[in-house]
PDB file of N, CA and C in Angstrom:
ATOM      1  N   MET A   1       0.845  -1.180   0.000  1.00  0.00           N
ATOM      2  CA  MET A   1       0.000   0.000   0.000  1.00  0.00           C
ATOM      3  C   MET A   1       0.888   1.239   0.000  1.00  0.00           C
ATOM      4  N   ARG A   2       0.689   2.089  -0.958  1.00  0.00           N
ATOM      5  CA  ARG A   2       1.484   3.316  -1.076  1.00  0.00           C
ATOM      6  C   ARG A   2       0.637   4.489  -0.613  1.00  0.00           C
ATOM      7  N   LEU A   3       1.181   5.228   0.349  1.00  0.00           N
ATOM      8  CA  LEU A   3       0.471   6.384   0.886  1.00  0.00           C
ATOM      9  C   LEU A   3       0.797   7.627   0.073  1.00  0.00           C
ATOM     10  N   PRO A   4      -0.202   8.449  -0.224  1.00  0.00           N
ATOM     11  CA  PRO A   4       0.063   9.716  -0.914  1.00  0.00           C
ATOM     12  C   PRO A   4       0.904  10.650  -0.034  1.00  0.00           C
ATOM     13  N   LEU A   5       1.627  11.522  -0.685  1.00  0.00           N
ATOM     14  CA  LEU A   5       2.525  12.439   0.013  1.00  0.00           C
ATOM     15  C   LEU A   5       1.790  13.299   1.034  1.00  0.00           C
ATOM     16  N   ARG A   6       0.574  13.712   0.709  1.00  0.00           N
ATOM     17  CA  ARG A   6      -0.205  14.564   1.607  1.00  0.00           C
ATOM     18  C   ARG A   6      -0.513  13.843   2.929  1.00  0.00           C
ATOM     19  N   ARG A   7      -0.884  12.566   2.841  1.00  0.00           N
ATOM     20  CA  ARG A   7      -1.165  11.791   4.049  1.00  0.00           C
ATOM     21  C   ARG A   7       0.093  11.574   4.872  1.00  0.00           C
ATOM     22  N   VAL A   8       1.201  11.317   4.203  1.00  0.00           N
ATOM     23  CA  VAL A   8       2.478  11.117   4.911  1.00  0.00           C
ATOM     24  C   VAL A   8       2.871  12.400   5.634  1.00  0.00           C
ATOM     25  N   LEU A   9       2.682  13.548   4.985  1.00  0.00           N
ATOM     26  CA  LEU A   9       3.004  14.826   5.624  1.00  0.00           C
ATOM     27  C   LEU A   9       2.137  15.073   6.851  1.00  0.00           C
ATOM     28  N   ARG A  10       0.832  14.739   6.775  1.00  0.00           N
ATOM     29  CA  ARG A  10      -0.046  14.899   7.936  1.00  0.00           C
ATOM     30  C   ARG A  10       0.428  14.028   9.096  1.00  0.00           C
ATOM     31  N   ILE A  11       0.803  12.802   8.794  1.00  0.00           N
ATOM     32  CA  ILE A  11       1.263  11.888   9.839  1.00  0.00           C
ATOM     33  C   ILE A  11       2.552  12.401  10.463  1.00  0.00           C
ATOM     34  N   VAL A  12       3.506  12.782   9.635  1.00  0.00           N
ATOM     35  CA  VAL A  12       4.810  13.241  10.137  1.00  0.00           C
ATOM     36  C   VAL A  12       4.662  14.527  10.947  1.00  0.00           C
ATOM     37  N   LEU A  13       3.895  15.486  10.434  1.00  0.00           N
ATOM     38  CA  LEU A  13       3.724  16.740  11.168  1.00  0.00           C
ATOM     39  C   LEU A  13       2.994  16.529  12.494  1.00  0.00           C
ATOM     40  N   SER A  14       2.014  15.645  12.507  1.00  0.00           N
ATOM     41  CA  SER A  14       1.316  15.344  13.764  1.00  0.00           C
ATOM     42  C   SER A  14       2.274  14.734  14.780  1.00  0.00           C
ATOM     43  N   LEU A  15       3.098  13.815  14.332  1.00  0.00           N
ATOM     44  CA  LEU A  15       4.060  13.190  15.242  1.00  0.00           C
ATOM     45  C   LEU A  15       5.107  14.188  15.734  1.00  0.00           C
ATOM     46  N   VAL A  16       5.525  15.110  14.870  1.00  0.00           N
ATOM     47  CA  VAL A  16       6.493  16.136  15.280  1.00  0.00           C
ATOM     48  C   VAL A  16       5.891  17.027  16.366  1.00  0.00           C
ATOM     49  N   VAL A  17       4.630  17.427  16.196  1.00  0.00           N
ATOM     50  CA  VAL A  17       3.975  18.273  17.200  1.00  0.00           C
ATOM     51  C   VAL A  17       3.826  17.515  18.520  1.00  0.00           C
ATOM     52  N   ILE A  18       3.482  16.243  18.455  1.00  0.00           N
ATOM     53  CA  ILE A  18       3.350  15.440  19.679  1.00  0.00           C
ATOM     54  C   ILE A  18       4.691  15.343  20.398  1.00  0.00           C
ATOM     55  N   VAL A  19       5.757  15.072  19.659  1.00  0.00           N
ATOM     56  CA  VAL A  19       7.094  14.984  20.272  1.00  0.00           C
ATOM     57  C   VAL A  19       7.491  16.320  20.894  1.00  0.00           C
ATOM     58  N   PHE A  20       7.200  17.416  20.182  1.00  0.00           N
ATOM     59  CA  PHE A  20       7.516  18.743  20.720  1.00  0.00           C
ATOM     60  C   PHE A  20       6.758  19.004  22.016  1.00  0.00           C
ATOM     61  N   LEU A  21       5.450  18.700  22.033  1.00  0.00           N
ATOM     62  CA  LEU A  21       4.645  18.917  23.240  1.00  0.00           C
ATOM     63  C   LEU A  21       5.160  18.108  24.419  1.00  0.00           C
ATOM     64  N   TRP A  22       5.429  16.826  24.176  1.00  0.00           N
ATOM     65  CA  TRP A  22       5.856  15.974  25.283  1.00  0.00           C
ATOM     66  C   TRP A  22       7.262  16.303  25.770  1.00  0.00           C
ATOM     67  N   SER A  23       8.137  16.753  24.878  1.00  0.00           N
ATOM     68  CA  SER A  23       9.465  17.174  25.341  1.00  0.00           C
ATOM     69  C   SER A  23       9.354  18.454  26.166  1.00  0.00           C
ATOM     70  N   ARG A  24       8.457  19.326  25.756  1.00  0.00           N
ATOM     71  CA  ARG A  24       8.239  20.570  26.510  1.00  0.00           C
ATOM     72  C   ARG A  24       7.608  20.272  27.874  1.00  0.00           C
ATOM     73  N   ILE A  25       6.669  19.337  27.907  1.00  0.00           N
ATOM     74  CA  ILE A  25       6.069  18.939  29.186  1.00  0.00           C
ATOM     75  C   ILE A  25       7.135  18.349  30.099  1.00  0.00           C
ATOM     76  N   GLY A  26       7.999  17.523  29.542  1.00  0.00           N
ATOM     77  CA  GLY A  26       9.061  16.899  30.341  1.00  0.00           C
ATOM     78  C   GLY A  26      10.032  17.905  30.936  1.00  0.00           C
ATOM     79  N   ARG A  27      10.353  18.932  30.176  1.00  0.00           N
ATOM     80  CA  ARG A  27      11.313  19.930  30.654  1.00  0.00           C
ATOM     81  C   ARG A  27      10.707  20.928  31.629  1.00  0.00           C
ATOM     82  N   GLN A  28       9.470  21.342  31.382  1.00  0.00           N
ATOM     83  CA  GLN A  28       8.885  22.422  32.175  1.00  0.00           C
ATOM     84  C   GLN A  28       7.630  21.978  32.914  1.00  0.00           C
ATOM     85  N   TYR A  29       7.625  20.745  33.386  1.00  0.00           N
ATOM     86  CA  TYR A  29       6.441  20.198  34.046  1.00  0.00           C
ATOM     87  C   TYR A  29       6.055  21.007  35.281  1.00  0.00           C
ATOM     88  N   ARG A  30       7.016  21.394  36.089  1.00  0.00           N
ATOM     89  CA  ARG A  30       6.742  22.101  37.344  1.00  0.00           C
ATOM     90  C   ARG A  30       6.350  23.572  37.125  1.00  0.00           C
ATOM     91  N   ASP A  31       6.847  24.173  36.049  1.00  0.00           N
ATOM     92  CA  ASP A  31       6.607  25.592  35.803  1.00  0.00           C
ATOM     93  C   ASP A  31       5.251  25.887  35.173  1.00  0.00           C
ATOM     94  N   ARG A  32       4.660  24.912  34.508  1.00  0.00           N
ATOM     95  CA  ARG A  32       3.407  25.138  33.770  1.00  0.00           C
ATOM     96  C   ARG A  32       2.197  24.878  34.651  1.00  0.00           C
ATOM     97  N   SER A  33       1.094  25.507  34.283  1.00  0.00           N
ATOM     98  CA  SER A  33      -0.142  25.317  35.033  1.00  0.00           C
ATOM     99  C   SER A  33      -0.812  23.994  34.611  1.00  0.00           C
ATOM    100  N   GLY A  34      -1.759  23.569  35.411  1.00  0.00           N
ATOM    101  CA  GLY A  34      -2.477  22.340  35.109  1.00  0.00           C
ATOM    102  C   GLY A  34      -3.302  22.459  33.845  1.00  0.00           C
ATOM    103  N   LEU A  35      -3.807  23.660  33.567  1.00  0.00           N
ATOM    104  CA  LEU A  35      -4.607  23.881  32.366  1.00  0.00           C
ATOM    105  C   LEU A  35      -3.765  23.683  31.108  1.00  0.00           C
ATOM    106  N   TRP A  36      -2.511  24.116  31.148  1.00  0.00           N
ATOM    107  CA  TRP A  36      -1.610  23.930  30.014  1.00  0.00           C
ATOM    108  C   TRP A  36      -1.362  22.445  29.792  1.00  0.00           C
ATOM    109  N   LEU A  37      -1.205  21.702  30.876  1.00  0.00           N
ATOM    110  CA  LEU A  37      -0.975  20.261  30.778  1.00  0.00           C
ATOM    111  C   LEU A  37      -2.203  19.559  30.195  1.00  0.00           C
ATOM    112  N   ILE A  38      -3.397  19.934  30.640  1.00  0.00           N
ATOM    113  CA  ILE A  38      -4.622  19.335  30.120  1.00  0.00           C
ATOM    114  C   ILE A  38      -4.791  19.664  28.635  1.00  0.00           C
ATOM    115  N   GLY A  39      -4.497  20.889  28.256  1.00  0.00           N
ATOM    116  CA  GLY A  39      -4.570  21.276  26.848  1.00  0.00           C
ATOM    117  C   GLY A  39      -3.592  20.495  25.984  1.00  0.00           C
ATOM    118  N   SER A  40      -2.394  20.291  26.495  1.00  0.00           N
ATOM    119  CA  SER A  40      -1.389  19.523  25.754  1.00  0.00           C
ATOM    120  C   SER A  40      -1.816  18.069  25.594  1.00  0.00           C
ATOM    121  N   LEU A  41      -2.370  17.500  26.650  1.00  0.00           N
ATOM    122  CA  LEU A  41      -2.847  16.121  26.575  1.00  0.00           C
ATOM    123  C   LEU A  41      -3.999  15.992  25.575  1.00  0.00           C
ATOM    124  N   THR A  42      -4.905  16.951  25.584  1.00  0.00           N
ATOM    125  CA  THR A  42      -6.035  16.933  24.655  1.00  0.00           C
ATOM    126  C   THR A  42      -5.546  17.039  23.209  1.00  0.00           C
ATOM    127  N   LEU A  43      -4.635  17.963  22.968  1.00  0.00           N
ATOM    128  CA  LEU A  43      -4.088  18.122  21.623  1.00  0.00           C
ATOM    129  C   LEU A  43      -3.341  16.866  21.187  1.00  0.00           C
ATOM    130  N   SER A  44      -2.627  16.241  22.099  1.00  0.00           N
ATOM    131  CA  SER A  44      -1.914  15.007  21.779  1.00  0.00           C
ATOM    132  C   SER A  44      -2.883  13.896  21.393  1.00  0.00           C
ATOM    133  N   LEU A  45      -3.979  13.777  22.118  1.00  0.00           N
ATOM    134  CA  LEU A  45      -4.968  12.753  21.791  1.00  0.00           C
ATOM    135  C   LEU A  45      -5.597  12.991  20.419  1.00  0.00           C
ATOM    136  N   ILE A  46      -5.917  14.243  20.131  1.00  0.00           N
ATOM    137  CA  ILE A  46      -6.496  14.571  18.830  1.00  0.00           C
ATOM    138  C   ILE A  46      -5.516  14.246  17.711  1.00  0.00           C
ATOM    139  N   LEU A  47      -4.252  14.597  17.906  1.00  0.00           N
ATOM    140  CA  LEU A  47      -3.252  14.323  16.876  1.00  0.00           C
ATOM    141  C   LEU A  47      -3.002  12.831  16.724  1.00  0.00           C
ATOM    142  N   LEU A  48      -3.065  12.073  17.815  1.00  0.00           N
ATOM    143  CA  LEU A  48      -2.928  10.621  17.707  1.00  0.00           C
ATOM    144  C   LEU A  48      -4.086  10.021  16.915  1.00  0.00           C
ATOM    145  N   LEU A  49      -5.284  10.546  17.115  1.00  0.00           N
ATOM    146  CA  LEU A  49      -6.428  10.086  16.320  1.00  0.00           C
ATOM    147  C   LEU A  49      -6.230  10.408  14.834  1.00  0.00           C
ATOM    148  N   VAL A  50      -5.674  11.578  14.552  1.00  0.00           N
ATOM    149  CA  VAL A  50      -5.387  11.949  13.162  1.00  0.00           C
ATOM    150  C   VAL A  50      -4.398  10.960  12.551  1.00  0.00           C
ATOM    151  N   VAL A  51      -3.360  10.616  13.304  1.00  0.00           N
ATOM    152  CA  VAL A  51      -2.356   9.669  12.809  1.00  0.00           C
ATOM    153  C   VAL A  51      -2.997   8.311  12.546  1.00  0.00           C
ATOM    154  N   ILE A  52      -3.835   7.846  13.455  1.00  0.00           N
ATOM    155  CA  ILE A  52      -4.475   6.541  13.287  1.00  0.00           C
ATOM    156  C   ILE A  52      -5.395   6.539  12.070  1.00  0.00           C
ATOM    157  N   VAL A  53      -6.209   7.585  11.934  1.00  0.00           N
ATOM    158  CA  VAL A  53      -7.137   7.664  10.796  1.00  0.00           C
ATOM    159  C   VAL A  53      -6.371   7.733   9.483  1.00  0.00           C
ATOM    160  N   GLU A  54      -5.326   8.516   9.429  1.00  0.00           N
ATOM    161  CA  GLU A  54      -4.556   8.650   8.192  1.00  0.00           C
ATOM    162  C   GLU A  54      -3.795   7.364   7.864  1.00  0.00           C
ATOM    163  N   ALA A  55      -3.243   6.716   8.864  1.00  0.00           N
ATOM    164  CA  ALA A  55      -2.440   5.520   8.613  1.00  0.00           C
ATOM    165  C   ALA A  55      -3.300   4.329   8.201  1.00  0.00           C
ATOM    166  N   THR A  56      -4.506   4.224   8.747  1.00  0.00           N
ATOM    167  CA  THR A  56      -5.358   3.076   8.432  1.00  0.00           C
ATOM    168  C   THR A  56      -6.225   3.299   7.206  1.00  0.00           C
ATOM    169  N   GLY A  57      -6.374   4.521   6.768  1.00  0.00           N
ATOM    170  CA  GLY A  57      -7.189   4.805   5.596  1.00  0.00           C
ATOM    171  C   GLY A  57      -8.684   4.823   5.886  1.00  0.00           C
ATOM    172  N   LEU A  58      -9.064   5.018   7.134  1.00  0.00           N
ATOM    173  CA  LEU A  58     -10.479   5.055   7.498  1.00  0.00           C
ATOM    174  C   LEU A  58     -11.221   6.175   6.787  1.00  0.00           C
ATOM    175  N   GLN A  59     -10.547   7.268   6.552  1.00  0.00           N
ATOM    176  CA  GLN A  59     -11.185   8.417   5.910  1.00  0.00           C
ATOM    177  C   GLN A  59     -11.656   8.054   4.500  1.00  0.00           C
ATOM    178  N   GLN A  60     -10.851   7.281   3.761  1.00  0.00           N
ATOM    179  CA  GLN A  60     -11.250   6.883   2.415  1.00  0.00           C
ATOM    180  C   GLN A  60     -12.449   5.934   2.468  1.00  0.00           C
ATOM    181  N   LYS A  61     -12.486   5.055   3.455  1.00  0.00           N
ATOM    182  CA  LYS A  61     -13.618   4.146   3.597  1.00  0.00           C
ATOM    183  C   LYS A  61     -14.896   4.924   3.877  1.00  0.00           C
ATOM    184  N   TRP A  62     -14.808   5.938   4.734  1.00  0.00           N
ATOM    185  CA  TRP A  62     -15.974   6.766   5.038  1.00  0.00           C
ATOM    186  C   TRP A  62     -16.464   7.494   3.792  1.00  0.00           C
ATOM    187  N   ARG A  63     -15.523   7.997   2.987  1.00  0.00           N
ATOM    188  CA  ARG A  63     -15.895   8.706   1.762  1.00  0.00           C
ATOM    189  C   ARG A  63     -16.603   7.783   0.787  1.00  0.00           C
ATOM    190  N   LYS A  64     -16.087   6.570   0.642  1.00  0.00           N
ATOM    191  CA  LYS A  64     -16.708   5.620  -0.284  1.00  0.00           C
ATOM    192  C   LYS A  64     -18.126   5.298   0.157  1.00  0.00           C
ATOM    193  N   GLN A  65     -18.326   5.105   1.450  1.00  0.00           N
ATOM    194  CA  GLN A  65     -19.666   4.811   1.951  1.00  0.00           C
ATOM    195  C   GLN A  65     -20.598   6.001   1.739  1.00  0.00           C
ATOM    196  N   ARG A  66     -20.100   7.185   1.938  1.00  0.00           N
ATOM    197  CA  ARG A  66     -20.925   8.388   1.772  1.00  0.00           C
ATOM    198  C   ARG A  66     -21.314   8.588   0.310  1.00  0.00           C
ATOM    199  N   ASP A  67     -20.429   8.255  -0.607  1.00  0.00           N
ATOM    200  CA  ASP A  67     -20.677   8.489  -2.024  1.00  0.00           C
ATOM    201  C   ASP A  67     -21.585   7.441  -2.659  1.00  0.00           C
ATOM    202  N   GLN A  68     -21.791   6.327  -1.974  1.00  0.00           N
ATOM    203  CA  GLN A  68     -22.664   5.299  -2.535  1.00  0.00           C
ATOM    204  C   GLN A  68     -24.116   5.738  -2.402  1.00  0.00           C
ATOM    205  N   VAL A  69     -24.839   5.644  -3.505  1.00  0.00           N
ATOM    206  CA  VAL A  69     -26.244   6.045  -3.529  1.00  0.00           C
ATOM    207  C   VAL A  69     -27.091   4.776  -3.646  1.00  0.00           C
ATOM    208  N   PRO A  70     -28.078   4.610  -2.774  1.00  0.00           N
ATOM    209  CA  PRO A  70     -28.919   3.419  -2.875  1.00  0.00           C
ATOM    210  C   PRO A  70     -29.769   3.458  -4.142  1.00  0.00           C
ATOM    211  N   LYS A  71     -30.071   2.260  -4.676  1.00  0.00           N
ATOM    212  CA  LYS A  71     -30.861   2.198  -5.908  1.00  0.00           C
ATOM    213  C   LYS A  71     -32.297   2.624  -5.690  1.00  0.00           C
ATOM    214  N   LYS A  72     -32.831   2.326  -4.508  1.00  0.00           N
ATOM    215  CA  LYS A  72     -34.196   2.738  -4.170  1.00  0.00           C
ATOM    216  C   LYS A  72     -34.144   3.555  -2.888  1.00  0.00           C
ATOM    217  N   PRO A  73     -33.914   4.863  -2.990  1.00  0.00           N
ATOM    218  CA  PRO A  73     -33.754   5.678  -1.797  1.00  0.00           C
ATOM    219  C   PRO A  73     -35.041   5.772  -0.968  1.00  0.00           C
ATOM    220  N   LEU A  74     -34.884   5.888   0.305  1.00  0.00           N
ATOM    221  CA  LEU A  74     -35.971   6.084   1.266  1.00  0.00           C
ATOM    222  C   LEU A  74     -36.981   4.948   1.266  1.00  0.00           C
ATOM    223  N   GLY A  75     -36.583   3.788   0.786  1.00  0.00           N
ATOM    224  CA  GLY A  75     -37.462   2.636   0.815  1.00  0.00           C
ATOM    225  C   GLY A  75     -38.606   2.695  -0.163  1.00  0.00           C
ATOM    226  N   LEU A  76     -38.518   3.547  -1.174  1.00  0.00           N
ATOM    227  CA  LEU A  76     -39.595   3.660  -2.154  1.00  0.00           C
ATOM    228  C   LEU A  76     -39.490   2.528  -3.167  1.00  0.00           C
ATOM    229  N   ASP A  77     -40.447   1.651  -3.161  1.00  0.00           N
ATOM    230  CA  ASP A  77     -40.462   0.527  -4.089  1.00  0.00           C
ATOM    231  C   ASP A  77     -41.588   0.724  -5.093  1.00  0.00           C
ATOM    232  N   SER A  78     -41.296   1.344  -6.211  1.00  0.00           N
ATOM    233  CA  SER A  78     -42.353   1.534  -7.206  1.00  0.00           C
ATOM    234  C   SER A  78     -41.881   1.180  -8.591  1.00  0.00           C
TER     235      SER A  78
END
């Protein structure tokens, strides 16, 4: 499976931001407020979800399902 360049860039940039956040948390854990830590954790979780969705190709599966049109919409049988 060959990933398009755009998807690879999203994955790499997300991982770079996660590494930056966690290295910053590690260095300045005592100096930062709890709200900053919660925000960093939330952003990390969102970026991890982005990496998972991009790596597994779930987004393309969702698009294919959305684009499929039923032959008899709304249960109309005539």
